Amino acid sequence: MKLVNSTKRDNPLMKRVQFVIELDAEKTPSRKETREFLAKELKIKKDTLVLKKLEGKFGSRKVLATVYSYENEEYMNKIEEKYIIERNKDVVEVKEE
């Protein structure tokens, strides 16, 4: 996965920074892979990073991602809907024995 293009917009009213990012990937990456990659590339804390939209085009390597980075978790929990926050939590697989 490679970062191709990025646009950044500050939103002081919502206390967040909004990104629209274009990625080059072999296949559409999972939300978890994308969040980890973007947190590392953009130097953002993963706890306050919300992957709002991840969109791949059929037959193309291009993937568009809409990402919000909040000042802290308190603002994120106030503004974002619960299902979006749940969707962005890291999924931990539990092995059954």
PDB file of N, CA and C in Angstrom:
ATOM      1  N   MET A   1       0.857  -1.171   0.000  1.00  0.00           N
ATOM      2  CA  MET A   1       0.000   0.000   0.000  1.00  0.00           C
ATOM      3  C   MET A   1       0.903   1.233   0.000  1.00  0.00           C
ATOM      4  N   LYS A   2       0.488   2.227  -0.790  1.00  0.00           N
ATOM      5  CA  LYS A   2       1.299   3.429  -0.937  1.00  0.00           C
ATOM      6  C   LYS A   2       0.387   4.653  -0.948  1.00  0.00           C
ATOM      7  N   LEU A   3       0.803   5.711  -0.270  1.00  0.00           N
ATOM      8  CA  LEU A   3       0.063   6.969  -0.244  1.00  0.00           C
ATOM      9  C   LEU A   3       0.361   7.735  -1.527  1.00  0.00           C
ATOM     10  N   VAL A   4      -0.694   8.052  -2.308  1.00  0.00           N
ATOM     11  CA  VAL A   4      -0.505   8.735  -3.583  1.00  0.00           C
ATOM     12  C   VAL A   4      -0.796  10.220  -3.457  1.00  0.00           C
ATOM     13  N   ASN A   5      -1.928  10.553  -2.875  1.00  0.00           N
ATOM     14  CA  ASN A   5      -2.367  11.943  -2.810  1.00  0.00           C
ATOM     15  C   ASN A   5      -3.130  12.163  -1.507  1.00  0.00           C
ATOM     16  N   SER A   6      -3.007  13.350  -0.948  1.00  0.00           N
ATOM     17  CA  SER A   6      -3.682  13.647   0.308  1.00  0.00           C
ATOM     18  C   SER A   6      -4.089  15.112   0.345  1.00  0.00           C
ATOM     19  N   THR A   7      -5.336  15.372   0.728  1.00  0.00           N
ATOM     20  CA  THR A   7      -5.771  16.749   0.963  1.00  0.00           C
ATOM     21  C   THR A   7      -6.182  16.858   2.421  1.00  0.00           C
ATOM     22  N   LYS A   8      -5.790  17.953   3.031  1.00  0.00           N
ATOM     23  CA  LYS A   8      -6.010  18.158   4.463  1.00  0.00           C
ATOM     24  C   LYS A   8      -6.843  19.411   4.655  1.00  0.00           C
ATOM     25  N   ARG A   9      -7.835  19.329   5.552  1.00  0.00           N
ATOM     26  CA  ARG A   9      -8.673  20.486   5.848  1.00  0.00           C
ATOM     27  C   ARG A   9      -8.922  20.549   7.356  1.00  0.00           C
ATOM     28  N   ASP A  10      -8.539  21.658   7.969  1.00  0.00           N
ATOM     29  CA  ASP A  10      -8.795  21.849   9.397  1.00  0.00           C
ATOM     30  C   ASP A  10     -10.250  22.230   9.604  1.00  0.00           C
ATOM     31  N   ASN A  11     -10.859  21.652  10.635  1.00  0.00           N
ATOM     32  CA  ASN A  11     -12.232  21.961  10.994  1.00  0.00           C
ATOM     33  C   ASN A  11     -12.248  22.308  12.488  1.00  0.00           C
ATOM     34  N   PRO A  12     -11.978  23.583  12.834  1.00  0.00           N
ATOM     35  CA  PRO A  12     -11.879  23.958  14.245  1.00  0.00           C
ATOM     36  C   PRO A  12     -13.207  23.855  14.999  1.00  0.00           C
ATOM     37  N   LEU A  13     -14.318  23.986  14.309  1.00  0.00           N
ATOM     38  CA  LEU A  13     -15.618  23.882  14.963  1.00  0.00           C
ATOM     39  C   LEU A  13     -15.836  22.478  15.526  1.00  0.00           C
ATOM     40  N   MET A  14     -15.470  21.468  14.768  1.00  0.00           N
ATOM     41  CA  MET A  14     -15.621  20.075  15.205  1.00  0.00           C
ATOM     42  C   MET A  14     -14.367  19.553  15.912  1.00  0.00           C
ATOM     43  N   LYS A  15     -13.339  20.410  15.995  1.00  0.00           N
ATOM     44  CA  LYS A  15     -12.065  20.062  16.638  1.00  0.00           C
ATOM     45  C   LYS A  15     -11.455  18.806  16.013  1.00  0.00           C
ATOM     46  N   ARG A  16     -11.360  18.846  14.683  1.00  0.00           N
ATOM     47  CA  ARG A  16     -10.774  17.731  13.963  1.00  0.00           C
ATOM     48  C   ARG A  16     -10.081  18.222  12.694  1.00  0.00           C
ATOM     49  N   VAL A  17      -9.271  17.350  12.134  1.00  0.00           N
ATOM     50  CA  VAL A  17      -8.634  17.576  10.843  1.00  0.00           C
ATOM     51  C   VAL A  17      -9.199  16.514   9.906  1.00  0.00           C
ATOM     52  N   GLN A  18      -9.659  16.945   8.733  1.00  0.00           N
ATOM     53  CA  GLN A  18     -10.279  16.030   7.782  1.00  0.00           C
ATOM     54  C   GLN A  18      -9.321  15.785   6.620  1.00  0.00           C
ATOM     55  N   PHE A  19      -9.171  14.534   6.252  1.00  0.00           N
ATOM     56  CA  PHE A  19      -8.299  14.141   5.151  1.00  0.00           C
ATOM     57  C   PHE A  19      -9.103  13.386   4.098  1.00  0.00           C
ATOM     58  N   VAL A  20      -8.793  13.642   2.844  1.00  0.00           N
ATOM     59  CA  VAL A  20      -9.244  12.794   1.741  1.00  0.00           C
ATOM     60  C   VAL A  20      -7.964  12.266   1.120  1.00  0.00           C
ATOM     61  N   ILE A  21      -7.828  10.951   1.141  1.00  0.00           N
ATOM     62  CA  ILE A  21      -6.561  10.328   0.798  1.00  0.00           C
ATOM     63  C   ILE A  21      -6.752   9.335  -0.342  1.00  0.00           C
ATOM     64  N   GLU A  22      -5.812   9.351  -1.255  1.00  0.00           N
ATOM     65  CA  GLU A  22      -5.800   8.383  -2.352  1.00  0.00           C
ATOM     66  C   GLU A  22      -4.652   7.417  -2.105  1.00  0.00           C
ATOM     67  N   LEU A  23      -4.975   6.136  -2.095  1.00  0.00           N
ATOM     68  CA  LEU A  23      -3.982   5.094  -1.864  1.00  0.00           C
ATOM     69  C   LEU A  23      -3.830   4.233  -3.110  1.00  0.00           C
ATOM     70  N   ASP A  24      -2.657   3.673  -3.275  1.00  0.00           N
ATOM     71  CA  ASP A  24      -2.407   2.707  -4.338  1.00  0.00           C
ATOM     72  C   ASP A  24      -2.202   1.366  -3.650  1.00  0.00           C
ATOM     73  N   ALA A  25      -3.090   0.405  -3.932  1.00  0.00           N
ATOM     74  CA  ALA A  25      -3.015  -0.890  -3.267  1.00  0.00           C
ATOM     75  C   ALA A  25      -3.348  -2.000  -4.253  1.00  0.00           C
ATOM     76  N   GLU A  26      -2.799  -3.176  -4.016  1.00  0.00           N
ATOM     77  CA  GLU A  26      -3.084  -4.339  -4.858  1.00  0.00           C
ATOM     78  C   GLU A  26      -4.568  -4.689  -4.816  1.00  0.00           C
ATOM     79  N   LYS A  27      -5.135  -4.660  -3.621  1.00  0.00           N
ATOM     80  CA  LYS A  27      -6.556  -4.945  -3.419  1.00  0.00           C
ATOM     81  C   LYS A  27      -7.074  -3.944  -2.399  1.00  0.00           C
ATOM     82  N   THR A  28      -8.379  -3.878  -2.238  1.00  0.00           N
ATOM     83  CA  THR A  28      -8.934  -2.975  -1.234  1.00  0.00           C
ATOM     84  C   THR A  28      -8.504  -3.471   0.145  1.00  0.00           C
ATOM     85  N   PRO A  29      -7.748  -2.682   0.888  1.00  0.00           N
ATOM     86  CA  PRO A  29      -7.259  -3.125   2.198  1.00  0.00           C
ATOM     87  C   PRO A  29      -8.376  -3.118   3.238  1.00  0.00           C
ATOM     88  N   SER A  30      -8.169  -3.871   4.307  1.00  0.00           N
ATOM     89  CA  SER A  30      -9.147  -3.885   5.394  1.00  0.00           C
ATOM     90  C   SER A  30      -9.086  -2.556   6.147  1.00  0.00           C
ATOM     91  N   ARG A  31     -10.115  -2.279   6.920  1.00  0.00           N
ATOM     92  CA  ARG A  31     -10.150  -1.047   7.715  1.00  0.00           C
ATOM     93  C   ARG A  31      -8.989  -1.019   8.708  1.00  0.00           C
ATOM     94  N   LYS A  32      -8.712  -2.165   9.314  1.00  0.00           N
ATOM     95  CA  LYS A  32      -7.633  -2.241  10.302  1.00  0.00           C
ATOM     96  C   LYS A  32      -6.280  -1.929   9.658  1.00  0.00           C
ATOM     97  N   GLU A  33      -5.999  -2.548   8.512  1.00  0.00           N
ATOM     98  CA  GLU A  33      -4.738  -2.291   7.807  1.00  0.00           C
ATOM     99  C   GLU A  33      -4.619  -0.824   7.409  1.00  0.00           C
ATOM    100  N   THR A  34      -5.719  -0.265   6.915  1.00  0.00           N
ATOM    101  CA  THR A  34      -5.713   1.128   6.462  1.00  0.00           C
ATOM    102  C   THR A  34      -5.481   2.080   7.627  1.00  0.00           C
ATOM    103  N   ARG A  35      -6.164   1.853   8.759  1.00  0.00           N
ATOM    104  CA  ARG A  35      -5.984   2.721   9.931  1.00  0.00           C
ATOM    105  C   ARG A  35      -4.544   2.685  10.424  1.00  0.00           C
ATOM    106  N   GLU A  36      -3.961   1.496  10.510  1.00  0.00           N
ATOM    107  CA  GLU A  36      -2.578   1.372  10.979  1.00  0.00           C
ATOM    108  C   GLU A  36      -1.612   2.074  10.023  1.00  0.00           C
ATOM    109  N   PHE A  37      -1.821   1.884   8.729  1.00  0.00           N
ATOM    110  CA  PHE A  37      -0.958   2.510   7.726  1.00  0.00           C
ATOM    111  C   PHE A  37      -1.063   4.032   7.782  1.00  0.00           C
ATOM    112  N   LEU A  38      -2.294   4.557   7.840  1.00  0.00           N
ATOM    113  CA  LEU A  38      -2.489   6.010   7.841  1.00  0.00           C
ATOM    114  C   LEU A  38      -2.002   6.653   9.136  1.00  0.00           C
ATOM    115  N   ALA A  39      -2.189   5.978  10.260  1.00  0.00           N
ATOM    116  CA  ALA A  39      -1.696   6.516  11.532  1.00  0.00           C
ATOM    117  C   ALA A  39      -0.174   6.669  11.479  1.00  0.00           C
ATOM    118  N   LYS A  40       0.480   5.691  10.883  1.00  0.00           N
ATOM    119  CA  LYS A  40       1.942   5.741  10.769  1.00  0.00           C
ATOM    120  C   LYS A  40       2.379   6.803   9.753  1.00  0.00           C
ATOM    121  N   GLU A  41       1.742   6.843   8.595  1.00  0.00           N
ATOM    122  CA  GLU A  41       2.122   7.781   7.530  1.00  0.00           C
ATOM    123  C   GLU A  41       1.844   9.239   7.901  1.00  0.00           C
ATOM    124  N   LEU A  42       0.677   9.492   8.504  1.00  0.00           N
ATOM    125  CA  LEU A  42       0.275  10.864   8.821  1.00  0.00           C
ATOM    126  C   LEU A  42       0.728  11.302  10.213  1.00  0.00           C
ATOM    127  N   LYS A  43       1.356  10.372  10.953  1.00  0.00           N
ATOM    128  CA  LYS A  43       1.836  10.641  12.315  1.00  0.00           C
ATOM    129  C   LYS A  43       0.699  11.130  13.217  1.00  0.00           C
ATOM    130  N   ILE A  44      -0.367  10.320  13.262  1.00  0.00           N
ATOM    131  CA  ILE A  44      -1.565  10.617  14.047  1.00  0.00           C
ATOM    132  C   ILE A  44      -1.769   9.472  15.034  1.00  0.00           C
ATOM    133  N   LYS A  45      -2.283   9.803  16.225  1.00  0.00           N
ATOM    134  CA  LYS A  45      -2.604   8.759  17.190  1.00  0.00           C
ATOM    135  C   LYS A  45      -3.756   7.916  16.649  1.00  0.00           C
ATOM    136  N   LYS A  46      -3.601   6.613  16.726  1.00  0.00           N
ATOM    137  CA  LYS A  46      -4.617   5.705  16.194  1.00  0.00           C
ATOM    138  C   LYS A  46      -5.917   5.773  16.995  1.00  0.00           C
ATOM    139  N   ASP A  47      -5.832   6.177  18.267  1.00  0.00           N
ATOM    140  CA  ASP A  47      -7.021   6.249  19.127  1.00  0.00           C
ATOM    141  C   ASP A  47      -7.997   7.328  18.685  1.00  0.00           C
ATOM    142  N   THR A  48      -7.502   8.380  18.053  1.00  0.00           N
ATOM    143  CA  THR A  48      -8.367   9.495  17.651  1.00  0.00           C
ATOM    144  C   THR A  48      -8.580   9.546  16.140  1.00  0.00           C
ATOM    145  N   LEU A  49      -8.200   8.499  15.454  1.00  0.00           N
ATOM    146  CA  LEU A  49      -8.339   8.425  14.001  1.00  0.00           C
ATOM    147  C   LEU A  49      -9.622   7.675  13.650  1.00  0.00           C
ATOM    148  N   VAL A  50     -10.470   8.287  12.836  1.00  0.00           N
ATOM    149  CA  VAL A  50     -11.720   7.658  12.409  1.00  0.00           C
ATOM    150  C   VAL A  50     -11.686   7.503  10.897  1.00  0.00           C
ATOM    151  N   LEU A  51     -11.757   6.269  10.446  1.00  0.00           N
ATOM    152  CA  LEU A  51     -11.836   5.979   9.017  1.00  0.00           C
ATOM    153  C   LEU A  51     -13.312   6.002   8.648  1.00  0.00           C
ATOM    154  N   LYS A  52     -13.742   7.100   8.062  1.00  0.00           N
ATOM    155  CA  LYS A  52     -15.154   7.316   7.767  1.00  0.00           C
ATOM    156  C   LYS A  52     -15.593   6.518   6.540  1.00  0.00           C
ATOM    157  N   LYS A  53     -14.766   6.521   5.501  1.00  0.00           N
ATOM    158  CA  LYS A  53     -15.166   5.885   4.246  1.00  0.00           C
ATOM    159  C   LYS A  53     -13.938   5.302   3.558  1.00  0.00           C
ATOM    160  N   LEU A  54     -14.090   4.108   3.033  1.00  0.00           N
ATOM    161  CA  LEU A  54     -13.031   3.431   2.298  1.00  0.00           C
ATOM    162  C   LEU A  54     -13.654   2.897   1.021  1.00  0.00           C
ATOM    163  N   GLU A  55     -13.201   3.405  -0.116  1.00  0.00           N
ATOM    164  CA  GLU A  55     -13.874   3.111  -1.377  1.00  0.00           C
ATOM    165  C   GLU A  55     -12.861   2.694  -2.444  1.00  0.00           C
ATOM    166  N   GLY A  56     -13.047   1.483  -2.965  1.00  0.00           N
ATOM    167  CA  GLY A  56     -12.208   0.995  -4.047  1.00  0.00           C
ATOM    168  C   GLY A  56     -13.010   0.918  -5.333  1.00  0.00           C
ATOM    169  N   LYS A  57     -12.366   1.189  -6.436  1.00  0.00           N
ATOM    170  CA  LYS A  57     -13.013   1.122  -7.748  1.00  0.00           C
ATOM    171  C   LYS A  57     -12.672  -0.212  -8.410  1.00  0.00           C
ATOM    172  N   PHE A  58     -13.665  -0.836  -9.015  1.00  0.00           N
ATOM    173  CA  PHE A  58     -13.465  -2.117  -9.684  1.00  0.00           C
ATOM    174  C   PHE A  58     -12.478  -1.972 -10.838  1.00  0.00           C
ATOM    175  N   GLY A  59     -11.501  -2.868 -10.881  1.00  0.00           N
ATOM    176  CA  GLY A  59     -10.524  -2.858 -11.960  1.00  0.00           C
ATOM    177  C   GLY A  59      -9.425  -1.823 -11.810  1.00  0.00           C
ATOM    178  N   SER A  60      -9.384  -1.148 -10.689  1.00  0.00           N
ATOM    179  CA  SER A  60      -8.392  -0.106 -10.469  1.00  0.00           C
ATOM    180  C   SER A  60      -7.651  -0.377  -9.168  1.00  0.00           C
ATOM    181  N   ARG A  61      -6.429   0.088  -9.086  1.00  0.00           N
ATOM    182  CA  ARG A  61      -5.647  -0.059  -7.856  1.00  0.00           C
ATOM    183  C   ARG A  61      -5.887   1.097  -6.898  1.00  0.00           C
ATOM    184  N   LYS A  62      -6.652   2.088  -7.355  1.00  0.00           N
ATOM    185  CA  LYS A  62      -6.868   3.299  -6.567  1.00  0.00           C
ATOM    186  C   LYS A  62      -7.931   3.062  -5.487  1.00  0.00           C
ATOM    187  N   VAL A  63      -7.627   3.489  -4.267  1.00  0.00           N
ATOM    188  CA  VAL A  63      -8.552   3.408  -3.139  1.00  0.00           C
ATOM    189  C   VAL A  63      -8.660   4.799  -2.532  1.00  0.00           C
ATOM    190  N   LEU A  64      -9.888   5.284  -2.352  1.00  0.00           N
ATOM    191  CA  LEU A  64     -10.110   6.589  -1.725  1.00  0.00           C
ATOM    192  C   LEU A  64     -10.561   6.383  -0.284  1.00  0.00           C
ATOM    193  N   ALA A  65      -9.976   7.145   0.619  1.00  0.00           N
ATOM    194  CA  ALA A  65     -10.318   7.053   2.038  1.00  0.00           C
ATOM    195  C   ALA A  65     -10.627   8.442   2.573  1.00  0.00           C
ATOM    196  N   THR A  66     -11.699   8.534   3.354  1.00  0.00           N
ATOM    197  CA  THR A  66     -12.033   9.761   4.067  1.00  0.00           C
ATOM    198  C   THR A  66     -11.731   9.499   5.538  1.00  0.00           C
ATOM    199  N   VAL A  67     -10.869  10.332   6.115  1.00  0.00           N
ATOM    200  CA  VAL A  67     -10.360  10.097   7.462  1.00  0.00           C
ATOM    201  C   VAL A  67     -10.498  11.366   8.288  1.00  0.00           C
ATOM    202  N   TYR A  68     -10.919  11.205   9.557  1.00  0.00           N
ATOM    203  CA  TYR A  68     -11.002  12.322  10.492  1.00  0.00           C
ATOM    204  C   TYR A  68     -10.040  12.049  11.641  1.00  0.00           C
ATOM    205  N   SER A  69      -9.300  13.084  12.032  1.00  0.00           N
ATOM    206  CA  SER A  69      -8.406  12.992  13.179  1.00  0.00           C
ATOM    207  C   SER A  69      -8.855  14.024  14.213  1.00  0.00           C
ATOM    208  N   TYR A  70      -9.325  13.558  15.359  1.00  0.00           N
ATOM    209  CA  TYR A  70      -9.835  14.445  16.406  1.00  0.00           C
ATOM    210  C   TYR A  70      -8.734  14.853  17.372  1.00  0.00           C
ATOM    211  N   GLU A  71      -8.963  15.986  18.066  1.00  0.00           N
ATOM    212  CA  GLU A  71      -7.994  16.464  19.061  1.00  0.00           C
ATOM    213  C   GLU A  71      -7.837  15.460  20.188  1.00  0.00           C
ATOM    214  N   ASN A  72      -8.960  14.896  20.649  1.00  0.00           N
ATOM    215  CA  ASN A  72      -8.905  13.875  21.691  1.00  0.00           C
ATOM    216  C   ASN A  72     -10.133  12.972  21.596  1.00  0.00           C
ATOM    217  N   GLU A  73     -10.132  11.906  22.370  1.00  0.00           N
ATOM    218  CA  GLU A  73     -11.212  10.920  22.310  1.00  0.00           C
ATOM    219  C   GLU A  73     -12.541  11.483  22.795  1.00  0.00           C
ATOM    220  N   GLU A  74     -12.506  12.440  23.698  1.00  0.00           N
ATOM    221  CA  GLU A  74     -13.737  13.030  24.224  1.00  0.00           C
ATOM    222  C   GLU A  74     -14.552  13.682  23.102  1.00  0.00           C
ATOM    223  N   TYR A  75     -13.903  14.484  22.274  1.00  0.00           N
ATOM    224  CA  TYR A  75     -14.601  15.124  21.155  1.00  0.00           C
ATOM    225  C   TYR A  75     -15.076  14.089  20.145  1.00  0.00           C
ATOM    226  N   MET A  76     -14.249  13.087  19.909  1.00  0.00           N
ATOM    227  CA  MET A  76     -14.612  12.039  18.967  1.00  0.00           C
ATOM    228  C   MET A  76     -15.887  11.328  19.421  1.00  0.00           C
ATOM    229  N   ASN A  77     -15.975  11.004  20.708  1.00  0.00           N
ATOM    230  CA  ASN A  77     -17.152  10.314  21.232  1.00  0.00           C
ATOM    231  C   ASN A  77     -18.398  11.190  21.217  1.00  0.00           C
ATOM    232  N   LYS A  78     -18.229  12.500  21.360  1.00  0.00           N
ATOM    233  CA  LYS A  78     -19.375  13.414  21.321  1.00  0.00           C
ATOM    234  C   LYS A  78     -19.922  13.587  19.910  1.00  0.00           C
ATOM    235  N   ILE A  79     -19.028  13.647  18.924  1.00  0.00           N
ATOM    236  CA  ILE A  79     -19.428  14.009  17.564  1.00  0.00           C
ATOM    237  C   ILE A  79     -19.789  12.794  16.713  1.00  0.00           C
ATOM    238  N   GLU A  80     -18.957  11.776  16.745  1.00  0.00           N
ATOM    239  CA  GLU A  80     -19.187  10.614  15.876  1.00  0.00           C
ATOM    240  C   GLU A  80     -20.297   9.726  16.431  1.00  0.00           C
ATOM    241  N   GLU A  81     -21.003   9.080  15.511  1.00  0.00           N
ATOM    242  CA  GLU A  81     -22.054   8.154  15.910  1.00  0.00           C
ATOM    243  C   GLU A  81     -21.422   6.876  16.462  1.00  0.00           C
ATOM    244  N   LYS A  82     -22.165   6.202  17.322  1.00  0.00           N
ATOM    245  CA  LYS A  82     -21.643   5.026  18.027  1.00  0.00           C
ATOM    246  C   LYS A  82     -21.187   3.923  17.068  1.00  0.00           C
ATOM    247  N   TYR A  83     -21.980   3.673  16.005  1.00  0.00           N
ATOM    248  CA  TYR A  83     -21.621   2.576  15.104  1.00  0.00           C
ATOM    249  C   TYR A  83     -20.329   2.865  14.338  1.00  0.00           C
ATOM    250  N   ILE A  84     -20.050   4.137  14.083  1.00  0.00           N
ATOM    251  CA  ILE A  84     -18.802   4.503  13.404  1.00  0.00           C
ATOM    252  C   ILE A  84     -17.618   4.238  14.335  1.00  0.00           C
ATOM    253  N   ILE A  85     -17.770   4.581  15.600  1.00  0.00           N
ATOM    254  CA  ILE A  85     -16.702   4.343  16.576  1.00  0.00           C
ATOM    255  C   ILE A  85     -16.467   2.843  16.742  1.00  0.00           C
ATOM    256  N   GLU A  86     -17.550   2.058  16.818  1.00  0.00           N
ATOM    257  CA  GLU A  86     -17.423   0.606  16.944  1.00  0.00           C
ATOM    258  C   GLU A  86     -16.732   0.009  15.722  1.00  0.00           C
ATOM    259  N   ARG A  87     -17.057   0.514  14.553  1.00  0.00           N
ATOM    260  CA  ARG A  87     -16.478   0.025  13.305  1.00  0.00           C
ATOM    261  C   ARG A  87     -14.974   0.290  13.261  1.00  0.00           C
ATOM    262  N   ASN A  88     -14.531   1.344  13.924  1.00  0.00           N
ATOM    263  CA  ASN A  88     -13.126   1.732  13.881  1.00  0.00           C
ATOM    264  C   ASN A  88     -12.288   1.156  15.013  1.00  0.00           C
ATOM    265  N   LYS A  89     -12.914   0.451  15.941  1.00  0.00           N
ATOM    266  CA  LYS A  89     -12.136  -0.184  17.000  1.00  0.00           C
ATOM    267  C   LYS A  89     -11.374  -1.359  16.415  1.00  0.00           C
ATOM    268  N   ASP A  90     -10.204  -1.606  16.953  1.00  0.00           N
ATOM    269  CA  ASP A  90      -9.430  -2.758  16.493  1.00  0.00           C
ATOM    270  C   ASP A  90     -10.126  -4.035  16.938  1.00  0.00           C
ATOM    271  N   VAL A  91     -10.284  -4.933  16.008  1.00  0.00           N
ATOM    272  CA  VAL A  91     -10.939  -6.203  16.296  1.00  0.00           C
ATOM    273  C   VAL A  91      -9.882  -7.176  16.791  1.00  0.00           C
ATOM    274  N   VAL A  92     -10.134  -7.721  17.969  1.00  0.00           N
ATOM    275  CA  VAL A  92      -9.217  -8.694  18.544  1.00  0.00           C
ATOM    276  C   VAL A  92      -9.871 -10.062  18.408  1.00  0.00           C
ATOM    277  N   GLU A  93      -9.192 -10.952  17.723  1.00  0.00           N
ATOM    278  CA  GLU A  93      -9.740 -12.286  17.534  1.00  0.00           C
ATOM    279  C   GLU A  93      -9.440 -13.130  18.766  1.00  0.00           C
ATOM    280  N   VAL A  94     -10.467 -13.789  19.279  1.00  0.00           N
ATOM    281  CA  VAL A  94     -10.321 -14.639  20.447  1.00  0.00           C
ATOM    282  C   VAL A  94     -10.302 -16.085  19.968  1.00  0.00           C
ATOM    283  N   LYS A  95      -9.265 -16.807  20.345  1.00  0.00           N
ATOM    284  CA  LYS A  95      -9.171 -18.213  19.953  1.00  0.00           C
ATOM    285  C   LYS A  95      -9.954 -19.054  20.947  1.00  0.00           C
ATOM    286  N   GLU A  96     -10.821 -19.904  20.407  1.00  0.00           N
ATOM    287  CA  GLU A  96     -11.573 -20.816  21.268  1.00  0.00           C
ATOM    288  C   GLU A  96     -10.813 -22.129  21.356  1.00  0.00           C
ATOM    289  N   GLU A  97     -10.687 -22.637  22.582  1.00  0.00           N
ATOM    290  CA  GLU A  97      -9.941 -23.885  22.761  1.00  0.00           C
ATOM    291  C   GLU A  97     -10.846 -24.971  23.239  1.00  0.00           C
TER     292      GLU A  97
END
